[in-house]
Amino acid sequence: PDHPALRTAPLQQLWRQPLRPQAIFINDDIQAKGVVQGLLAMQVRVPQDLLVIVRTNRPSGVFFPLPIVELALNLESVADHLLGLLREVIANPSLPPSTRQYSFQLDSSAISP
């Protein structure tokens, strides 16, 4: 169940450590909603007390009521690349199996202060 107490408890435990973190990285925009709600409930000042960095999917539609650093991944770009790879494999069925890597460029416009 999604209850504010369940979101806040791990954050409270982390925040009680003798050496508090200076930043937190959240690799999922949906999970970040709960973390942000927990930070609001704990009255943590963002970014003065804690820098919050969130990797989001574009388009996401998730609104964050705090100043966060957003690292956005354009899903359309990823889908286009994967479709290109799929077309290549379909057009050349005799190609041996291989591992392919795709590098993503970080667009400076995708970083919001």
N, C-alpha and C. Protein backbone atom coordinates (compact mmCIF):
# COMPACT_ATOMS: atom_id res chain seq x y z
N PRO A 1 0.82 -1.20 0.00
CA PRO A 1 0.00 0.00 0.00
C PRO A 1 0.86 1.26 0.00
N ASP A 2 0.38 2.29 -0.67
CA ASP A 2 1.11 3.54 -0.76
C ASP A 2 0.63 4.48 0.33
N HIS A 3 1.35 4.51 1.43
CA HIS A 3 0.98 5.34 2.57
C HIS A 3 2.14 6.28 2.87
N PRO A 4 1.86 7.56 3.19
CA PRO A 4 2.95 8.51 3.45
C PRO A 4 3.95 8.03 4.49
N ALA A 5 3.49 7.33 5.50
CA ALA A 5 4.41 6.84 6.54
C ALA A 5 5.41 5.85 5.97
N LEU A 6 4.98 5.02 5.01
CA LEU A 6 5.89 4.06 4.40
C LEU A 6 6.94 4.75 3.55
N ARG A 7 6.59 5.88 2.94
CA ARG A 7 7.55 6.62 2.13
C ARG A 7 8.53 7.38 3.02
N THR A 8 8.05 7.88 4.14
CA THR A 8 8.85 8.76 4.97
C THR A 8 9.81 8.00 5.89
N ALA A 9 9.44 6.82 6.34
CA ALA A 9 10.26 6.08 7.31
C ALA A 9 11.70 5.87 6.83
N PRO A 10 11.96 5.38 5.62
CA PRO A 10 13.36 5.21 5.19
C PRO A 10 14.09 6.55 5.09
N LEU A 11 13.39 7.60 4.68
CA LEU A 11 14.01 8.91 4.61
C LEU A 11 14.37 9.43 6.00
N GLN A 12 13.48 9.22 6.95
CA GLN A 12 13.76 9.65 8.33
C GLN A 12 14.97 8.92 8.89
N GLN A 13 15.06 7.64 8.60
CA GLN A 13 16.21 6.86 9.06
C GLN A 13 17.49 7.39 8.43
N LEU A 14 17.46 7.67 7.16
CA LEU A 14 18.62 8.22 6.46
C LEU A 14 18.98 9.60 7.01
N TRP A 15 17.98 10.39 7.31
CA TRP A 15 18.19 11.76 7.76
C TRP A 15 18.71 11.82 9.20
N ARG A 16 18.52 10.75 9.97
CA ARG A 16 19.00 10.70 11.35
C ARG A 16 20.46 10.28 11.46
N GLN A 17 21.07 9.90 10.35
CA GLN A 17 22.48 9.48 10.37
C GLN A 17 23.37 10.63 10.80
N PRO A 18 24.47 10.34 11.46
CA PRO A 18 25.38 11.42 11.89
C PRO A 18 25.88 12.26 10.70
N LEU A 19 26.17 11.60 9.60
CA LEU A 19 26.58 12.30 8.39
C LEU A 19 25.43 12.23 7.39
N ARG A 20 24.68 13.30 7.30
CA ARG A 20 23.55 13.33 6.37
C ARG A 20 24.07 13.40 4.94
N PRO A 21 23.32 12.82 4.03
CA PRO A 21 23.72 12.94 2.62
C PRO A 21 23.57 14.38 2.14
N GLN A 22 24.40 14.76 1.18
CA GLN A 22 24.30 16.08 0.58
C GLN A 22 23.36 16.05 -0.62
N ALA A 23 23.21 14.85 -1.19
CA ALA A 23 22.37 14.70 -2.38
C ALA A 23 21.76 13.31 -2.39
N ILE A 24 20.67 13.20 -3.14
CA ILE A 24 20.03 11.90 -3.35
C ILE A 24 19.70 11.78 -4.83
N PHE A 25 20.00 10.60 -5.40
CA PHE A 25 19.70 10.34 -6.81
C PHE A 25 18.58 9.31 -6.87
N ILE A 26 17.53 9.64 -7.59
CA ILE A 26 16.39 8.75 -7.73
C ILE A 26 16.28 8.39 -9.21
N ASN A 27 16.34 7.11 -9.52
CA ASN A 27 16.41 6.66 -10.91
C ASN A 27 15.04 6.38 -11.52
N ASP A 28 13.99 6.90 -10.94
CA ASP A 28 12.65 6.65 -11.48
C ASP A 28 11.74 7.81 -11.09
N ASP A 29 11.15 8.46 -12.08
CA ASP A 29 10.33 9.63 -11.79
C ASP A 29 9.08 9.29 -10.99
N ILE A 30 8.53 8.10 -11.16
CA ILE A 30 7.34 7.72 -10.40
C ILE A 30 7.70 7.50 -8.92
N GLN A 31 8.82 6.81 -8.66
CA GLN A 31 9.25 6.63 -7.27
C GLN A 31 9.64 7.95 -6.65
N ALA A 32 10.15 8.87 -7.46
CA ALA A 32 10.57 10.17 -6.94
C ALA A 32 9.39 10.94 -6.35
N LYS A 33 8.19 10.72 -6.88
CA LYS A 33 7.01 11.39 -6.32
C LYS A 33 6.89 11.08 -4.83
N GLY A 34 7.03 9.82 -4.46
CA GLY A 34 6.92 9.43 -3.06
C GLY A 34 8.05 10.00 -2.22
N VAL A 35 9.26 10.01 -2.77
CA VAL A 35 10.40 10.56 -2.03
C VAL A 35 10.18 12.05 -1.78
N VAL A 36 9.74 12.77 -2.82
CA VAL A 36 9.49 14.21 -2.68
C VAL A 36 8.40 14.46 -1.65
N GLN A 37 7.35 13.66 -1.67
CA GLN A 37 6.30 13.81 -0.66
C GLN A 37 6.85 13.58 0.74
N GLY A 38 7.73 12.61 0.89
CA GLY A 38 8.36 12.36 2.18
C GLY A 38 9.24 13.53 2.62
N LEU A 39 10.00 14.08 1.69
CA LEU A 39 10.85 15.23 2.01
C LEU A 39 10.01 16.43 2.44
N LEU A 40 8.89 16.63 1.74
CA LEU A 40 7.98 17.72 2.13
C LEU A 40 7.43 17.49 3.53
N ALA A 41 7.03 16.25 3.82
CA ALA A 41 6.49 15.94 5.15
C ALA A 41 7.53 16.14 6.24
N MET A 42 8.80 15.90 5.93
CA MET A 42 9.88 16.06 6.89
C MET A 42 10.39 17.50 6.93
N GLN A 43 9.88 18.33 6.07
CA GLN A 43 10.28 19.73 5.98
C GLN A 43 11.77 19.90 5.68
N VAL A 44 12.29 19.01 4.83
CA VAL A 44 13.67 19.13 4.37
C VAL A 44 13.71 20.24 3.32
N ARG A 45 14.66 21.15 3.48
CA ARG A 45 14.78 22.26 2.53
C ARG A 45 15.61 21.82 1.34
N VAL A 46 14.97 21.81 0.19
CA VAL A 46 15.63 21.41 -1.06
C VAL A 46 15.81 22.69 -1.87
N PRO A 47 16.97 23.00 -2.35
CA PRO A 47 18.25 22.29 -2.32
C PRO A 47 19.17 22.69 -1.17
N GLN A 48 18.74 23.54 -0.24
CA GLN A 48 19.64 24.01 0.82
C GLN A 48 20.16 22.86 1.68
N ASP A 49 19.28 21.95 2.09
CA ASP A 49 19.68 20.84 2.95
C ASP A 49 20.06 19.59 2.15
N LEU A 50 19.42 19.43 1.02
CA LEU A 50 19.60 18.21 0.23
C LEU A 50 19.35 18.50 -1.24
N LEU A 51 20.28 18.11 -2.09
CA LEU A 51 20.11 18.22 -3.53
C LEU A 51 19.39 16.97 -4.02
N VAL A 52 18.32 17.14 -4.76
CA VAL A 52 17.54 16.00 -5.26
C VAL A 52 17.73 15.93 -6.77
N ILE A 53 18.25 14.78 -7.22
CA ILE A 53 18.50 14.54 -8.64
C ILE A 53 17.58 13.39 -9.07
N VAL A 54 16.79 13.62 -10.12
CA VAL A 54 15.81 12.63 -10.56
C VAL A 54 16.02 12.34 -12.04
N ARG A 55 16.13 11.05 -12.38
CA ARG A 55 16.14 10.64 -13.78
C ARG A 55 14.70 10.43 -14.19
N THR A 56 14.27 11.19 -15.19
CA THR A 56 12.88 11.12 -15.63
C THR A 56 12.80 10.64 -17.07
N ASN A 57 11.62 10.19 -17.43
CA ASN A 57 11.32 9.84 -18.82
C ASN A 57 10.60 11.02 -19.44
N ARG A 58 10.98 11.37 -20.66
CA ARG A 58 10.28 12.44 -21.38
C ARG A 58 9.43 11.79 -22.44
N PRO A 59 8.21 12.10 -22.61
CA PRO A 59 7.45 12.99 -21.74
C PRO A 59 7.03 12.26 -20.48
N SER A 60 7.11 12.91 -19.35
CA SER A 60 6.81 12.29 -18.08
C SER A 60 5.46 12.74 -17.53
N GLY A 61 5.26 14.03 -17.45
CA GLY A 61 4.03 14.53 -16.88
C GLY A 61 4.05 14.60 -15.37
N VAL A 62 5.16 14.20 -14.74
CA VAL A 62 5.27 14.26 -13.29
C VAL A 62 5.70 15.66 -12.90
N PHE A 63 4.96 16.26 -11.97
CA PHE A 63 5.29 17.59 -11.46
C PHE A 63 5.96 17.46 -10.11
N PHE A 64 7.06 18.15 -9.94
CA PHE A 64 7.76 18.15 -8.65
C PHE A 64 7.65 19.54 -8.03
N PRO A 65 7.06 19.64 -6.84
CA PRO A 65 6.87 20.95 -6.21
C PRO A 65 8.12 21.48 -5.50
N LEU A 66 9.26 20.87 -5.78
CA LEU A 66 10.53 21.30 -5.20
C LEU A 66 11.52 21.55 -6.33
N PRO A 67 12.53 22.38 -6.09
CA PRO A 67 13.56 22.56 -7.11
C PRO A 67 14.47 21.33 -7.16
N ILE A 68 14.37 20.57 -8.22
CA ILE A 68 15.16 19.36 -8.39
C ILE A 68 16.06 19.51 -9.60
N VAL A 69 17.06 18.65 -9.69
CA VAL A 69 17.84 18.52 -10.90
C VAL A 69 17.24 17.34 -11.65
N GLU A 70 16.77 17.59 -12.84
CA GLU A 70 16.10 16.56 -13.63
C GLU A 70 17.00 16.13 -14.77
N LEU A 71 17.30 14.83 -14.82
CA LEU A 71 18.03 14.23 -15.94
C LEU A 71 17.00 13.49 -16.77
N ALA A 72 16.64 14.06 -17.91
CA ALA A 72 15.53 13.53 -18.70
C ALA A 72 16.04 12.63 -19.83
N LEU A 73 15.35 11.51 -19.99
CA LEU A 73 15.62 10.57 -21.07
C LEU A 73 14.46 10.64 -22.04
N ASN A 74 14.75 10.95 -23.29
CA ASN A 74 13.71 11.06 -24.30
C ASN A 74 13.34 9.66 -24.79
N LEU A 75 12.17 9.18 -24.41
CA LEU A 75 11.75 7.82 -24.76
C LEU A 75 11.51 7.65 -26.25
N GLU A 76 11.10 8.72 -26.93
CA GLU A 76 10.90 8.62 -28.37
C GLU A 76 12.22 8.32 -29.07
N SER A 77 13.30 8.94 -28.62
CA SER A 77 14.62 8.70 -29.20
C SER A 77 15.05 7.25 -28.98
N VAL A 78 14.81 6.74 -27.79
CA VAL A 78 15.15 5.34 -27.48
C VAL A 78 14.33 4.40 -28.35
N ALA A 79 13.03 4.66 -28.47
CA ALA A 79 12.16 3.80 -29.28
C ALA A 79 12.58 3.82 -30.75
N ASP A 80 12.92 4.99 -31.27
CA ASP A 80 13.38 5.09 -32.66
C ASP A 80 14.63 4.25 -32.88
N HIS A 81 15.56 4.33 -31.95
CA HIS A 81 16.79 3.56 -32.07
C HIS A 81 16.50 2.05 -32.03
N LEU A 82 15.66 1.63 -31.11
CA LEU A 82 15.33 0.20 -31.00
C LEU A 82 14.60 -0.31 -32.23
N LEU A 83 13.72 0.51 -32.79
CA LEU A 83 13.04 0.11 -34.03
C LEU A 83 14.02 -0.04 -35.18
N GLY A 84 15.01 0.84 -35.23
CA GLY A 84 16.05 0.72 -36.25
C GLY A 84 16.81 -0.59 -36.13
N LEU A 85 17.16 -0.96 -34.89
CA LEU A 85 17.86 -2.23 -34.66
C LEU A 85 16.98 -3.42 -35.05
N LEU A 86 15.71 -3.35 -34.72
CA LEU A 86 14.78 -4.43 -35.06
C LEU A 86 14.64 -4.58 -36.58
N ARG A 87 14.52 -3.46 -37.27
CA ARG A 87 14.44 -3.51 -38.75
C ARG A 87 15.70 -4.13 -39.35
N GLU A 88 16.85 -3.80 -38.78
CA GLU A 88 18.11 -4.35 -39.28
C GLU A 88 18.15 -5.86 -39.11
N VAL A 89 17.70 -6.34 -37.97
CA VAL A 89 17.70 -7.79 -37.71
C VAL A 89 16.69 -8.50 -38.63
N ILE A 90 15.52 -7.88 -38.84
CA ILE A 90 14.50 -8.48 -39.71
C ILE A 90 15.00 -8.52 -41.15
N ALA A 91 15.68 -7.47 -41.59
CA ALA A 91 16.18 -7.40 -42.97
C ALA A 91 17.36 -8.33 -43.18
N ASN A 92 18.09 -8.67 -42.13
CA ASN A 92 19.27 -9.53 -42.24
C ASN A 92 19.18 -10.68 -41.23
N PRO A 93 18.29 -11.65 -41.49
CA PRO A 93 18.10 -12.71 -40.50
C PRO A 93 19.33 -13.58 -40.28
N SER A 94 20.29 -13.53 -41.19
CA SER A 94 21.49 -14.35 -41.02
C SER A 94 22.55 -13.69 -40.13
N LEU A 95 22.28 -12.48 -39.66
CA LEU A 95 23.23 -11.82 -38.77
C LEU A 95 23.38 -12.63 -37.49
N PRO A 96 24.63 -12.81 -37.05
CA PRO A 96 24.81 -13.53 -35.79
C PRO A 96 24.31 -12.68 -34.62
N PRO A 97 23.87 -13.33 -33.55
CA PRO A 97 23.44 -12.58 -32.36
C PRO A 97 24.59 -11.71 -31.85
N SER A 98 24.26 -10.56 -31.40
CA SER A 98 25.30 -9.68 -30.88
C SER A 98 24.72 -8.78 -29.80
N THR A 99 25.61 -8.23 -29.03
CA THR A 99 25.21 -7.25 -28.02
C THR A 99 25.51 -5.88 -28.57
N ARG A 100 24.54 -5.00 -28.44
CA ARG A 100 24.72 -3.64 -28.94
C ARG A 100 24.51 -2.68 -27.80
N GLN A 101 25.26 -1.62 -27.86
CA GLN A 101 25.11 -0.58 -26.86
C GLN A 101 24.67 0.71 -27.54
N TYR A 102 23.92 1.47 -26.81
CA TYR A 102 23.44 2.75 -27.32
C TYR A 102 23.83 3.82 -26.32
N SER A 103 24.52 4.84 -26.79
CA SER A 103 24.92 5.94 -25.91
C SER A 103 23.89 7.05 -26.01
N PHE A 104 23.52 7.58 -24.88
CA PHE A 104 22.56 8.67 -24.83
C PHE A 104 23.31 9.96 -24.55
N GLN A 105 22.97 10.97 -25.29
CA GLN A 105 23.54 12.29 -25.08
C GLN A 105 22.70 13.04 -24.06
N LEU A 106 23.34 13.68 -23.12
CA LEU A 106 22.62 14.50 -22.16
C LEU A 106 22.41 15.87 -22.76
N ASP A 107 21.18 16.23 -22.91
CA ASP A 107 20.81 17.53 -23.47
C ASP A 107 20.76 18.53 -22.33
N SER A 108 21.55 19.59 -22.43
CA SER A 108 21.60 20.55 -21.32
C SER A 108 20.24 21.20 -21.07
N SER A 109 19.37 21.22 -22.07
CA SER A 109 18.04 21.78 -21.86
C SER A 109 17.18 20.86 -21.01
N ALA A 110 17.63 19.60 -20.83
CA ALA A 110 16.86 18.64 -20.04
C ALA A 110 17.21 18.76 -18.55
N ILE A 111 18.14 19.63 -18.20
CA ILE A 111 18.50 19.81 -16.80
C ILE A 111 17.79 21.05 -16.30
N SER A 112 16.91 20.83 -15.34
CA SER A 112 16.19 21.98 -14.79
C SER A 112 16.74 22.29 -13.41
N PRO A 113 17.03 23.56 -13.14
CA PRO A 113 17.63 23.91 -11.83
C PRO A 113 16.59 23.81 -10.72
